[in-house]
Amino acid sequence: MTTTKSPQVYSGTGSAIDNYNNPKKQLQNIVKGANDANWGLFDNKNQQHKAILSQLRTLQWVVPSEKWGEVADLNRLSDFLKSDKSPVNKPLKRMNEKELSKMISCFESMVTKKYK
């Protein structure tokens, strides 16, 4: 059984169907262009990726979201992974378990220093 959305009154300009079919601006900001790949994209089934996202929220690396309130700032994570400060300079999805453990330790250290 699928859940249905409750009807909403469209108050924009132009066609409501065109507005519905256009990609959301938030998604465009998260994913960025193909030439400037976002290294912060994650697998929501990977427990280590979830741990990193949790720590991003603890560090208050968040952006507002219409649907979820606040979500982890994947652009900031991407910039961090590309920087010299990151222990592993690799996209999140390409990291193995050992490299992800290093990243988790790094974020745990950042959380400890922030709230000490």
PDB file of N, CA and C in Angstrom:
ATOM      1  N   MET A   1       0.834  -1.170   0.000  1.00  0.00           N
ATOM      2  CA  MET A   1       0.000   0.000   0.000  1.00  0.00           C
ATOM      3  C   MET A   1       0.884   1.240   0.000  1.00  0.00           C
ATOM      4  N   THR A   2       0.581   2.179  -0.848  1.00  0.00           N
ATOM      5  CA  THR A   2       1.363   3.411  -0.908  1.00  0.00           C
ATOM      6  C   THR A   2       0.589   4.538  -0.235  1.00  0.00           C
ATOM      7  N   THR A   3       1.323   5.436   0.336  1.00  0.00           N
ATOM      8  CA  THR A   3       0.679   6.584   0.957  1.00  0.00           C
ATOM      9  C   THR A   3       0.519   7.681  -0.082  1.00  0.00           C
ATOM     10  N   THR A   4      -0.524   8.426   0.036  1.00  0.00           N
ATOM     11  CA  THR A   4      -0.770   9.514  -0.896  1.00  0.00           C
ATOM     12  C   THR A   4      -0.529  10.843  -0.209  1.00  0.00           C
ATOM     13  N   LYS A   5      -0.160  11.827  -1.000  1.00  0.00           N
ATOM     14  CA  LYS A   5       0.059  13.159  -0.466  1.00  0.00           C
ATOM     15  C   LYS A   5      -1.279  13.880  -0.379  1.00  0.00           C
ATOM     16  N   SER A   6      -1.402  14.722   0.622  1.00  0.00           N
ATOM     17  CA  SER A   6      -2.625  15.514   0.724  1.00  0.00           C
ATOM     18  C   SER A   6      -2.568  16.622  -0.318  1.00  0.00           C
ATOM     19  N   PRO A   7      -3.705  17.022  -0.864  1.00  0.00           N
ATOM     20  CA  PRO A   7      -3.715  18.055  -1.906  1.00  0.00           C
ATOM     21  C   PRO A   7      -3.251  19.398  -1.351  1.00  0.00           C
ATOM     22  N   GLN A   8      -2.586  20.165  -2.198  1.00  0.00           N
ATOM     23  CA  GLN A   8      -2.118  21.486  -1.823  1.00  0.00           C
ATOM     24  C   GLN A   8      -2.558  22.487  -2.885  1.00  0.00           C
ATOM     25  N   VAL A   9      -2.808  23.696  -2.469  1.00  0.00           N
ATOM     26  CA  VAL A   9      -3.195  24.751  -3.393  1.00  0.00           C
ATOM     27  C   VAL A   9      -1.923  25.335  -3.993  1.00  0.00           C
ATOM     28  N   TYR A  10      -1.857  25.374  -5.325  1.00  0.00           N
ATOM     29  CA  TYR A  10      -0.692  25.923  -6.011  1.00  0.00           C
ATOM     30  C   TYR A  10      -0.842  27.434  -6.099  1.00  0.00           C
ATOM     31  N   SER A  11       0.184  28.147  -5.628  1.00  0.00           N
ATOM     32  CA  SER A  11       0.103  29.600  -5.622  1.00  0.00           C
ATOM     33  C   SER A  11       1.201  30.250  -6.465  1.00  0.00           C
ATOM     34  N   GLY A  12       1.904  29.479  -7.248  1.00  0.00           N
ATOM     35  CA  GLY A  12       3.004  30.009  -8.056  1.00  0.00           C
ATOM     36  C   GLY A  12       2.515  30.569  -9.379  1.00  0.00           C
ATOM     37  N   THR A  13       3.468  30.850 -10.263  1.00  0.00           N
ATOM     38  CA  THR A  13       3.121  31.349 -11.589  1.00  0.00           C
ATOM     39  C   THR A  13       3.387  30.245 -12.598  1.00  0.00           C
ATOM     40  N   GLY A  14       2.700  30.260 -13.703  1.00  0.00           N
ATOM     41  CA  GLY A  14       2.869  29.243 -14.722  1.00  0.00           C
ATOM     42  C   GLY A  14       2.064  27.992 -14.390  1.00  0.00           C
ATOM     43  N   SER A  15       2.418  26.898 -15.031  1.00  0.00           N
ATOM     44  CA  SER A  15       1.698  25.647 -14.875  1.00  0.00           C
ATOM     45  C   SER A  15       2.095  24.932 -13.582  1.00  0.00           C
ATOM     46  N   ALA A  16       1.112  24.442 -12.860  1.00  0.00           N
ATOM     47  CA  ALA A  16       1.383  23.685 -11.641  1.00  0.00           C
ATOM     48  C   ALA A  16       2.096  22.375 -11.966  1.00  0.00           C
ATOM     49  N   ILE A  17       1.775  21.785 -13.104  1.00  0.00           N
ATOM     50  CA  ILE A  17       2.405  20.524 -13.502  1.00  0.00           C
ATOM     51  C   ILE A  17       3.875  20.749 -13.825  1.00  0.00           C
ATOM     52  N   ASP A  18       4.194  21.844 -14.538  1.00  0.00           N
ATOM     53  CA  ASP A  18       5.597  22.153 -14.829  1.00  0.00           C
ATOM     54  C   ASP A  18       6.368  22.384 -13.541  1.00  0.00           C
ATOM     55  N   ASN A  19       5.752  23.075 -12.594  1.00  0.00           N
ATOM     56  CA  ASN A  19       6.391  23.328 -11.312  1.00  0.00           C
ATOM     57  C   ASN A  19       6.648  22.014 -10.577  1.00  0.00           C
ATOM     58  N   TYR A  20       5.700  21.092 -10.616  1.00  0.00           N
ATOM     59  CA  TYR A  20       5.837  19.795  -9.952  1.00  0.00           C
ATOM     60  C   TYR A  20       6.944  18.962 -10.584  1.00  0.00           C
ATOM     61  N   ASN A  21       7.054  19.030 -11.901  1.00  0.00           N
ATOM     62  CA  ASN A  21       8.029  18.208 -12.606  1.00  0.00           C
ATOM     63  C   ASN A  21       9.450  18.773 -12.586  1.00  0.00           C
ATOM     64  N   ASN A  22       9.617  20.050 -12.277  1.00  0.00           N
ATOM     65  CA  ASN A  22      10.955  20.647 -12.211  1.00  0.00           C
ATOM     66  C   ASN A  22      11.703  20.081 -11.018  1.00  0.00           C
ATOM     67  N   PRO A  23      13.016  19.858 -11.163  1.00  0.00           N
ATOM     68  CA  PRO A  23      13.783  19.388 -10.004  1.00  0.00           C
ATOM     69  C   PRO A  23      13.807  20.461  -8.919  1.00  0.00           C
ATOM     70  N   LYS A  24      13.799  20.035  -7.694  1.00  0.00           N
ATOM     71  CA  LYS A  24      13.793  20.964  -6.575  1.00  0.00           C
ATOM     72  C   LYS A  24      15.152  21.646  -6.458  1.00  0.00           C
ATOM     73  N   LYS A  25      15.149  22.908  -6.063  1.00  0.00           N
ATOM     74  CA  LYS A  25      16.387  23.673  -5.941  1.00  0.00           C
ATOM     75  C   LYS A  25      17.309  23.067  -4.895  1.00  0.00           C
ATOM     76  N   GLN A  26      16.750  22.544  -3.809  1.00  0.00           N
ATOM     77  CA  GLN A  26      17.594  21.950  -2.778  1.00  0.00           C
ATOM     78  C   GLN A  26      18.387  20.776  -3.332  1.00  0.00           C
ATOM     79  N   LEU A  27      17.739  19.946  -4.136  1.00  0.00           N
ATOM     80  CA  LEU A  27      18.429  18.792  -4.716  1.00  0.00           C
ATOM     81  C   LEU A  27      19.545  19.264  -5.638  1.00  0.00           C
ATOM     82  N   GLN A  28      19.285  20.316  -6.406  1.00  0.00           N
ATOM     83  CA  GLN A  28      20.321  20.852  -7.287  1.00  0.00           C
ATOM     84  C   GLN A  28      21.504  21.356  -6.478  1.00  0.00           C
ATOM     85  N   ASN A  29      21.257  21.988  -5.333  1.00  0.00           N
ATOM     86  CA  ASN A  29      22.341  22.487  -4.492  1.00  0.00           C
ATOM     87  C   ASN A  29      23.140  21.352  -3.880  1.00  0.00           C
ATOM     88  N   ILE A  30      22.473  20.261  -3.534  1.00  0.00           N
ATOM     89  CA  ILE A  30      23.161  19.128  -2.909  1.00  0.00           C
ATOM     90  C   ILE A  30      24.013  18.382  -3.926  1.00  0.00           C
ATOM     91  N   VAL A  31      23.471  18.128  -5.085  1.00  0.00           N
ATOM     92  CA  VAL A  31      24.143  17.287  -6.058  1.00  0.00           C
ATOM     93  C   VAL A  31      25.173  18.046  -6.891  1.00  0.00           C
ATOM     94  N   LYS A  32      25.008  19.346  -7.100  1.00  0.00           N
ATOM     95  CA  LYS A  32      25.879  20.187  -7.919  1.00  0.00           C
ATOM     96  C   LYS A  32      25.958  19.649  -9.342  1.00  0.00           C
ATOM     97  N   GLY A  33      26.786  20.282 -10.158  1.00  0.00           N
ATOM     98  CA  GLY A  33      26.930  19.878 -11.543  1.00  0.00           C
ATOM     99  C   GLY A  33      27.798  18.651 -11.706  1.00  0.00           C
ATOM    100  N   ALA A  34      27.742  18.058 -12.885  1.00  0.00           N
ATOM    101  CA  ALA A  34      28.511  16.843 -13.146  1.00  0.00           C
ATOM    102  C   ALA A  34      30.015  17.122 -13.137  1.00  0.00           C
ATOM    103  N   ASN A  35      30.419  18.332 -13.552  1.00  0.00           N
ATOM    104  CA  ASN A  35      31.852  18.668 -13.579  1.00  0.00           C
ATOM    105  C   ASN A  35      32.415  18.889 -12.181  1.00  0.00           C
ATOM    106  N   ASP A  36      31.580  19.350 -11.267  1.00  0.00           N
ATOM    107  CA  ASP A  36      32.018  19.637  -9.902  1.00  0.00           C
ATOM    108  C   ASP A  36      31.353  18.624  -8.975  1.00  0.00           C
ATOM    109  N   ALA A  37      31.808  17.376  -9.049  1.00  0.00           N
ATOM    110  CA  ALA A  37      31.164  16.286  -8.314  1.00  0.00           C
ATOM    111  C   ALA A  37      31.187  16.541  -6.814  1.00  0.00           C
ATOM    112  N   ASN A  38      30.106  16.175  -6.147  1.00  0.00           N
ATOM    113  CA  ASN A  38      29.988  16.339  -4.702  1.00  0.00           C
ATOM    114  C   ASN A  38      30.546  15.096  -4.029  1.00  0.00           C
ATOM    115  N   TRP A  39      31.636  15.255  -3.301  1.00  0.00           N
ATOM    116  CA  TRP A  39      32.286  14.139  -2.622  1.00  0.00           C
ATOM    117  C   TRP A  39      31.533  13.725  -1.376  1.00  0.00           C
ATOM    118  N   GLY A  40      30.545  14.499  -0.954  1.00  0.00           N
ATOM    119  CA  GLY A  40      29.820  14.207   0.274  1.00  0.00           C
ATOM    120  C   GLY A  40      28.606  13.311   0.081  1.00  0.00           C
ATOM    121  N   LEU A  41      28.314  12.914  -1.148  1.00  0.00           N
ATOM    122  CA  LEU A  41      27.170  12.033  -1.369  1.00  0.00           C
ATOM    123  C   LEU A  41      27.409  10.711  -0.658  1.00  0.00           C
ATOM    124  N   PHE A  42      26.351  10.153  -0.080  1.00  0.00           N
ATOM    125  CA  PHE A  42      26.508   9.001   0.799  1.00  0.00           C
ATOM    126  C   PHE A  42      25.512   7.908   0.450  1.00  0.00           C
ATOM    127  N   ASP A  43      25.745   6.731   1.016  1.00  0.00           N
ATOM    128  CA  ASP A  43      24.851   5.589   0.874  1.00  0.00           C
ATOM    129  C   ASP A  43      24.060   5.474   2.174  1.00  0.00           C
ATOM    130  N   ASN A  44      22.747   5.666   2.106  1.00  0.00           N
ATOM    131  CA  ASN A  44      21.940   5.674   3.333  1.00  0.00           C
ATOM    132  C   ASN A  44      21.776   4.291   3.951  1.00  0.00           C
ATOM    133  N   LYS A  45      22.314   3.245   3.324  1.00  0.00           N
ATOM    134  CA  LYS A  45      22.260   1.901   3.900  1.00  0.00           C
ATOM    135  C   LYS A  45      23.569   1.535   4.600  1.00  0.00           C
ATOM    136  N   ASN A  46      24.587   2.367   4.448  1.00  0.00           N
ATOM    137  CA  ASN A  46      25.887   2.120   5.056  1.00  0.00           C
ATOM    138  C   ASN A  46      25.915   2.755   6.450  1.00  0.00           C
ATOM    139  N   GLN A  47      26.146   1.931   7.469  1.00  0.00           N
ATOM    140  CA  GLN A  47      26.127   2.412   8.856  1.00  0.00           C
ATOM    141  C   GLN A  47      27.230   3.428   9.131  1.00  0.00           C
ATOM    142  N   GLN A  48      28.387   3.270   8.509  1.00  0.00           N
ATOM    143  CA  GLN A  48      29.474   4.223   8.718  1.00  0.00           C
ATOM    144  C   GLN A  48      29.125   5.584   8.114  1.00  0.00           C
ATOM    145  N   HIS A  49      28.464   5.588   6.978  1.00  0.00           N
ATOM    146  CA  HIS A  49      28.024   6.847   6.370  1.00  0.00           C
ATOM    147  C   HIS A  49      27.003   7.526   7.281  1.00  0.00           C
ATOM    148  N   LYS A  50      26.101   6.741   7.857  1.00  0.00           N
ATOM    149  CA  LYS A  50      25.105   7.303   8.778  1.00  0.00           C
ATOM    150  C   LYS A  50      25.772   7.910  10.007  1.00  0.00           C
ATOM    151  N   ALA A  51      26.830   7.271  10.492  1.00  0.00           N
ATOM    152  CA  ALA A  51      27.554   7.789  11.660  1.00  0.00           C
ATOM    153  C   ALA A  51      28.185   9.143  11.331  1.00  0.00           C
ATOM    154  N   ILE A  52      28.747   9.273  10.144  1.00  0.00           N
ATOM    155  CA  ILE A  52      29.342  10.551   9.729  1.00  0.00           C
ATOM    156  C   ILE A  52      28.265  11.626   9.636  1.00  0.00           C
ATOM    157  N   LEU A  53      27.120  11.294   9.054  1.00  0.00           N
ATOM    158  CA  LEU A  53      26.028  12.266   8.952  1.00  0.00           C
ATOM    159  C   LEU A  53      25.546  12.704  10.330  1.00  0.00           C
ATOM    160  N   SER A  54      25.496  11.772  11.250  1.00  0.00           N
ATOM    161  CA  SER A  54      25.099  12.085  12.618  1.00  0.00           C
ATOM    162  C   SER A  54      26.073  13.074  13.247  1.00  0.00           C
ATOM    163  N   GLN A  55      27.344  12.853  13.011  1.00  0.00           N
ATOM    164  CA  GLN A  55      28.349  13.745  13.584  1.00  0.00           C
ATOM    165  C   GLN A  55      28.326  15.117  12.921  1.00  0.00           C
ATOM    166  N   LEU A  56      27.969  15.182  11.649  1.00  0.00           N
ATOM    167  CA  LEU A  56      27.812  16.480  10.984  1.00  0.00           C
ATOM    168  C   LEU A  56      26.703  17.286  11.659  1.00  0.00           C
ATOM    169  N   ARG A  57      25.614  16.612  12.003  1.00  0.00           N
ATOM    170  CA  ARG A  57      24.522  17.300  12.700  1.00  0.00           C
ATOM    171  C   ARG A  57      24.959  17.746  14.089  1.00  0.00           C
ATOM    172  N   THR A  58      25.750  16.930  14.772  1.00  0.00           N
ATOM    173  CA  THR A  58      26.251  17.293  16.096  1.00  0.00           C
ATOM    174  C   THR A  58      27.161  18.519  16.008  1.00  0.00           C
ATOM    175  N   LEU A  59      27.960  18.595  14.945  1.00  0.00           N
ATOM    176  CA  LEU A  59      28.841  19.746  14.725  1.00  0.00           C
ATOM    177  C   LEU A  59      28.076  20.969  14.219  1.00  0.00           C
ATOM    178  N   GLN A  60      26.805  20.798  13.957  1.00  0.00           N
ATOM    179  CA  GLN A  60      25.931  21.839  13.412  1.00  0.00           C
ATOM    180  C   GLN A  60      26.342  22.238  11.996  1.00  0.00           C
ATOM    181  N   TRP A  61      26.819  21.273  11.236  1.00  0.00           N
ATOM    182  CA  TRP A  61      27.063  21.464   9.814  1.00  0.00           C
ATOM    183  C   TRP A  61      25.766  21.098   9.107  1.00  0.00           C
ATOM    184  N   VAL A  62      24.762  21.952   9.197  1.00  0.00           N
ATOM    185  CA  VAL A  62      23.438  21.667   8.666  1.00  0.00           C
ATOM    186  C   VAL A  62      22.955  22.815   7.788  1.00  0.00           C
ATOM    187  N   VAL A  63      22.005  22.498   6.930  1.00  0.00           N
ATOM    188  CA  VAL A  63      21.325  23.494   6.108  1.00  0.00           C
ATOM    189  C   VAL A  63      19.825  23.265   6.260  1.00  0.00           C
ATOM    190  N   PRO A  64      19.025  24.322   6.114  1.00  0.00           N
ATOM    191  CA  PRO A  64      17.579  24.150   6.230  1.00  0.00           C
ATOM    192  C   PRO A  64      17.011  23.344   5.054  1.00  0.00           C
ATOM    193  N   SER A  65      15.992  22.564   5.343  1.00  0.00           N
ATOM    194  CA  SER A  65      15.303  21.771   4.333  1.00  0.00           C
ATOM    195  C   SER A  65      13.806  21.957   4.509  1.00  0.00           C
ATOM    196  N   GLU A  66      13.103  22.167   3.404  1.00  0.00           N
ATOM    197  CA  GLU A  66      11.649  22.346   3.484  1.00  0.00           C
ATOM    198  C   GLU A  66      10.970  21.093   4.021  1.00  0.00           C
ATOM    199  N   LYS A  67      11.439  19.940   3.590  1.00  0.00           N
ATOM    200  CA  LYS A  67      10.783  18.682   3.957  1.00  0.00           C
ATOM    201  C   LYS A  67      11.220  18.163   5.329  1.00  0.00           C
ATOM    202  N   TRP A  68      12.524  18.250   5.650  1.00  0.00           N
ATOM    203  CA  TRP A  68      13.059  17.604   6.838  1.00  0.00           C
ATOM    204  C   TRP A  68      13.457  18.570   7.953  1.00  0.00           C
ATOM    205  N   GLY A  69      13.304  19.855   7.762  1.00  0.00           N
ATOM    206  CA  GLY A  69      13.702  20.822   8.779  1.00  0.00           C
ATOM    207  C   GLY A  69      15.162  21.204   8.615  1.00  0.00           C
ATOM    208  N   GLU A  70      16.060  20.350   9.063  1.00  0.00           N
ATOM    209  CA  GLU A  70      17.498  20.539   8.885  1.00  0.00           C
ATOM    210  C   GLU A  70      18.107  19.229   8.410  1.00  0.00           C
ATOM    211  N   VAL A  71      19.051  19.349   7.494  1.00  0.00           N
ATOM    212  CA  VAL A  71      19.778  18.170   7.009  1.00  0.00           C
ATOM    213  C   VAL A  71      21.264  18.485   7.018  1.00  0.00           C
ATOM    214  N   ALA A  72      22.084  17.452   7.003  1.00  0.00           N
ATOM    215  CA  ALA A  72      23.535  17.625   6.980  1.00  0.00           C
ATOM    216  C   ALA A  72      23.944  18.386   5.719  1.00  0.00           C
ATOM    217  N   ASP A  73      24.899  19.293   5.863  1.00  0.00           N
ATOM    218  CA  ASP A  73      25.388  20.110   4.754  1.00  0.00           C
ATOM    219  C   ASP A  73      26.411  19.304   3.945  1.00  0.00           C
ATOM    220  N   LEU A  74      25.935  18.670   2.881  1.00  0.00           N
ATOM    221  CA  LEU A  74      26.797  17.807   2.077  1.00  0.00           C
ATOM    222  C   LEU A  74      27.815  18.600   1.270  1.00  0.00           C
ATOM    223  N   ASN A  75      27.493  19.846   0.934  1.00  0.00           N
ATOM    224  CA  ASN A  75      28.467  20.676   0.219  1.00  0.00           C
ATOM    225  C   ASN A  75      29.652  20.999   1.123  1.00  0.00           C
ATOM    226  N   ARG A  76      29.384  21.301   2.388  1.00  0.00           N
ATOM    227  CA  ARG A  76      30.467  21.585   3.334  1.00  0.00           C
ATOM    228  C   ARG A  76      31.310  20.329   3.574  1.00  0.00           C
ATOM    229  N   LEU A  77      30.628  19.180   3.676  1.00  0.00           N
ATOM    230  CA  LEU A  77      31.352  17.918   3.818  1.00  0.00           C
ATOM    231  C   LEU A  77      32.231  17.672   2.598  1.00  0.00           C
ATOM    232  N   SER A  78      31.694  17.913   1.415  1.00  0.00           N
ATOM    233  CA  SER A  78      32.451  17.729   0.176  1.00  0.00           C
ATOM    234  C   SER A  78      33.685  18.618   0.160  1.00  0.00           C
ATOM    235  N   ASP A  79      33.516  19.882   0.542  1.00  0.00           N
ATOM    236  CA  ASP A  79      34.651  20.806   0.581  1.00  0.00           C
ATOM    237  C   ASP A  79      35.696  20.339   1.591  1.00  0.00           C
ATOM    238  N   PHE A  80      35.234  19.821   2.731  1.00  0.00           N
ATOM    239  CA  PHE A  80      36.164  19.316   3.742  1.00  0.00           C
ATOM    240  C   PHE A  80      36.937  18.111   3.218  1.00  0.00           C
ATOM    241  N   LEU A  81      36.246  17.189   2.552  1.00  0.00           N
ATOM    242  CA  LEU A  81      36.913  15.988   2.027  1.00  0.00           C
ATOM    243  C   LEU A  81      37.959  16.345   0.975  1.00  0.00           C
ATOM    244  N   LYS A  82      37.747  17.435   0.239  1.00  0.00           N
ATOM    245  CA  LYS A  82      38.692  17.870  -0.796  1.00  0.00           C
ATOM    246  C   LYS A  82      39.858  18.666  -0.210  1.00  0.00           C
ATOM    247  N   SER A  83      39.723  19.126   1.030  1.00  0.00           N
ATOM    248  CA  SER A  83      40.743  19.997   1.627  1.00  0.00           C
ATOM    249  C   SER A  83      41.918  19.193   2.186  1.00  0.00           C
ATOM    250  N   ASP A  84      42.974  19.918   2.548  1.00  0.00           N
ATOM    251  CA  ASP A  84      44.155  19.296   3.153  1.00  0.00           C
ATOM    252  C   ASP A  84      43.895  18.869   4.594  1.00  0.00           C
ATOM    253  N   LYS A  85      42.843  19.365   5.210  1.00  0.00           N
ATOM    254  CA  LYS A  85      42.527  19.030   6.596  1.00  0.00           C
ATOM    255  C   LYS A  85      41.929  17.632   6.738  1.00  0.00           C
ATOM    256  N   SER A  86      41.401  17.092   5.659  1.00  0.00           N
ATOM    257  CA  SER A  86      40.781  15.769   5.694  1.00  0.00           C
ATOM    258  C   SER A  86      41.844  14.673   5.760  1.00  0.00           C
ATOM    259  N   PRO A  87      41.649  13.670   6.630  1.00  0.00           N
ATOM    260  CA  PRO A  87      42.621  12.573   6.686  1.00  0.00           C
ATOM    261  C   PRO A  87      42.582  11.676   5.446  1.00  0.00           C
ATOM    262  N   VAL A  88      41.445  11.686   4.736  1.00  0.00           N
ATOM    263  CA  VAL A  88      41.307  10.877   3.521  1.00  0.00           C
ATOM    264  C   VAL A  88      40.740  11.776   2.432  1.00  0.00           C
ATOM    265  N   ASN A  89      41.511  12.037   1.371  1.00  0.00           N
ATOM    266  CA  ASN A  89      41.062  12.882   0.265  1.00  0.00           C
ATOM    267  C   ASN A  89      40.460  12.019  -0.834  1.00  0.00           C
ATOM    268  N   LYS A  90      39.208  11.643  -0.605  1.00  0.00           N
ATOM    269  CA  LYS A  90      38.511  10.738  -1.507  1.00  0.00           C
ATOM    270  C   LYS A  90      37.018  10.970  -1.345  1.00  0.00           C
ATOM    271  N   PRO A  91      36.213  10.762  -2.398  1.00  0.00           N
ATOM    272  CA  PRO A  91      34.763  10.848  -2.214  1.00  0.00           C
ATOM    273  C   PRO A  91      34.281   9.806  -1.204  1.00  0.00           C
ATOM    274  N   LEU A  92      33.259  10.163  -0.458  1.00  0.00           N
ATOM    275  CA  LEU A  92      32.751   9.313   0.617  1.00  0.00           C
ATOM    276  C   LEU A  92      32.358   7.927   0.110  1.00  0.00           C
ATOM    277  N   LYS A  93      31.727   7.866  -1.045  1.00  0.00           N
ATOM    278  CA  LYS A  93      31.270   6.575  -1.587  1.00  0.00           C
ATOM    279  C   LYS A  93      32.416   5.670  -2.031  1.00  0.00           C
ATOM    280  N   ARG A  94      33.592   6.233  -2.266  1.00  0.00           N
ATOM    281  CA  ARG A  94      34.726   5.428  -2.719  1.00  0.00           C
ATOM    282  C   ARG A  94      35.623   4.961  -1.574  1.00  0.00           C
ATOM    283  N   MET A  95      35.325   5.391  -0.359  1.00  0.00           N
ATOM    284  CA  MET A  95      36.150   5.007   0.787  1.00  0.00           C
ATOM    285  C   MET A  95      35.839   3.587   1.226  1.00  0.00           C
ATOM    286  N   ASN A  96      36.895   2.881   1.658  1.00  0.00           N
ATOM    287  CA  ASN A  96      36.683   1.550   2.215  1.00  0.00           C
ATOM    288  C   ASN A  96      36.417   1.682   3.719  1.00  0.00           C
ATOM    289  N   GLU A  97      36.205   0.570   4.399  1.00  0.00           N
ATOM    290  CA  GLU A  97      35.842   0.590   5.820  1.00  0.00           C
ATOM    291  C   GLU A  97      36.913   1.252   6.677  1.00  0.00           C
ATOM    292  N   LYS A  98      38.165   0.976   6.387  1.00  0.00           N
ATOM    293  CA  LYS A  98      39.264   1.544   7.177  1.00  0.00           C
ATOM    294  C   LYS A  98      39.310   3.066   7.025  1.00  0.00           C
ATOM    295  N   GLU A  99      39.155   3.541   5.795  1.00  0.00           N
ATOM    296  CA  GLU A  99      39.170   4.985   5.542  1.00  0.00           C
ATOM    297  C   GLU A  99      37.967   5.666   6.188  1.00  0.00           C
ATOM    298  N   LEU A 100      36.816   5.005   6.154  1.00  0.00           N
ATOM    299  CA  LEU A 100      35.626   5.561   6.805  1.00  0.00           C
ATOM    300  C   LEU A 100      35.820   5.640   8.316  1.00  0.00           C
ATOM    301  N   SER A 101      36.512   4.650   8.884  1.00  0.00           N
ATOM    302  CA  SER A 101      36.804   4.678  10.316  1.00  0.00           C
ATOM    303  C   SER A 101      37.690   5.870  10.671  1.00  0.00           C
ATOM    304  N   LYS A 102      38.646   6.190   9.807  1.00  0.00           N
ATOM    305  CA  LYS A 102      39.490   7.371  10.020  1.00  0.00           C
ATOM    306  C   LYS A 102      38.639   8.637  10.012  1.00  0.00           C
ATOM    307  N   MET A 103      37.703   8.702   9.075  1.00  0.00           N
ATOM    308  CA  MET A 103      36.838   9.889   8.983  1.00  0.00           C
ATOM    309  C   MET A 103      35.952  10.011  10.227  1.00  0.00           C
ATOM    310  N   ILE A 104      35.423   8.898  10.687  1.00  0.00           N
ATOM    311  CA  ILE A 104      34.575   8.914  11.889  1.00  0.00           C
ATOM    312  C   ILE A 104      35.388   9.388  13.085  1.00  0.00           C
ATOM    313  N   SER A 105      36.616   8.887  13.213  1.00  0.00           N
ATOM    314  CA  SER A 105      37.493   9.321  14.310  1.00  0.00           C
ATOM    315  C   SER A 105      37.798  10.810  14.215  1.00  0.00           C
ATOM    316  N   CYS A 106      38.016  11.286  13.005  1.00  0.00           N
ATOM    317  CA  CYS A 106      38.292  12.702  12.784  1.00  0.00           C
ATOM    318  C   CYS A 106      37.109  13.552  13.252  1.00  0.00           C
ATOM    319  N   PHE A 107      35.897  13.165  12.860  1.00  0.00           N
ATOM    320  CA  PHE A 107      34.707  13.931  13.255  1.00  0.00           C
ATOM    321  C   PHE A 107      34.435  13.811  14.750  1.00  0.00           C
ATOM    322  N   GLU A 108      34.716  12.643  15.336  1.00  0.00           N
ATOM    323  CA  GLU A 108      34.570  12.500  16.789  1.00  0.00           C
ATOM    324  C   GLU A 108      35.501  13.463  17.510  1.00  0.00           C
ATOM    325  N   SER A 109      36.724  13.600  17.001  1.00  0.00           N
ATOM    326  CA  SER A 109      37.687  14.526  17.584  1.00  0.00           C
ATOM    327  C   SER A 109      37.189  15.965  17.460  1.00  0.00           C
ATOM    328  N   MET A 110      36.624  16.303  16.309  1.00  0.00           N
ATOM    329  CA  MET A 110      36.098  17.660  16.097  1.00  0.00           C
ATOM    330  C   MET A 110      34.939  17.953  17.059  1.00  0.00           C
ATOM    331  N   VAL A 111      34.084  16.967  17.268  1.00  0.00           N
ATOM    332  CA  VAL A 111      32.956  17.131  18.193  1.00  0.00           C
ATOM    333  C   VAL A 111      33.485  17.333  19.611  1.00  0.00           C
ATOM    334  N   THR A 112      34.465  16.522  20.001  1.00  0.00           N
ATOM    335  CA  THR A 112      35.049  16.629  21.349  1.00  0.00           C
ATOM    336  C   THR A 112      35.663  18.015  21.559  1.00  0.00           C
ATOM    337  N   LYS A 113      36.403  18.514  20.580  1.00  0.00           N
ATOM    338  CA  LYS A 113      37.034  19.819  20.706  1.00  0.00           C
ATOM    339  C   LYS A 113      36.008  20.946  20.735  1.00  0.00           C
ATOM    340  N   LYS A 114      34.920  20.777  19.996  1.00  0.00           N
ATOM    341  CA  LYS A 114      33.915  21.838  19.941  1.00  0.00           C
ATOM    342  C   LYS A 114      33.158  21.958  21.263  1.00  0.00           C
ATOM    343  N   TYR A 115      32.868  20.843  21.899  1.00  0.00           N
ATOM    344  CA  TYR A 115      32.026  20.861  23.097  1.00  0.00           C
ATOM    345  C   TYR A 115      32.796  20.619  24.392  1.00  0.00           C
ATOM    346  N   LYS A 116      34.109  20.694  24.341  1.00  0.00           N
ATOM    347  CA  LYS A 116      34.926  20.482  25.529  1.00  0.00           C
ATOM    348  C   LYS A 116      34.900  21.691  26.440  1.00  0.00           C
TER     349      LYS A 116
END
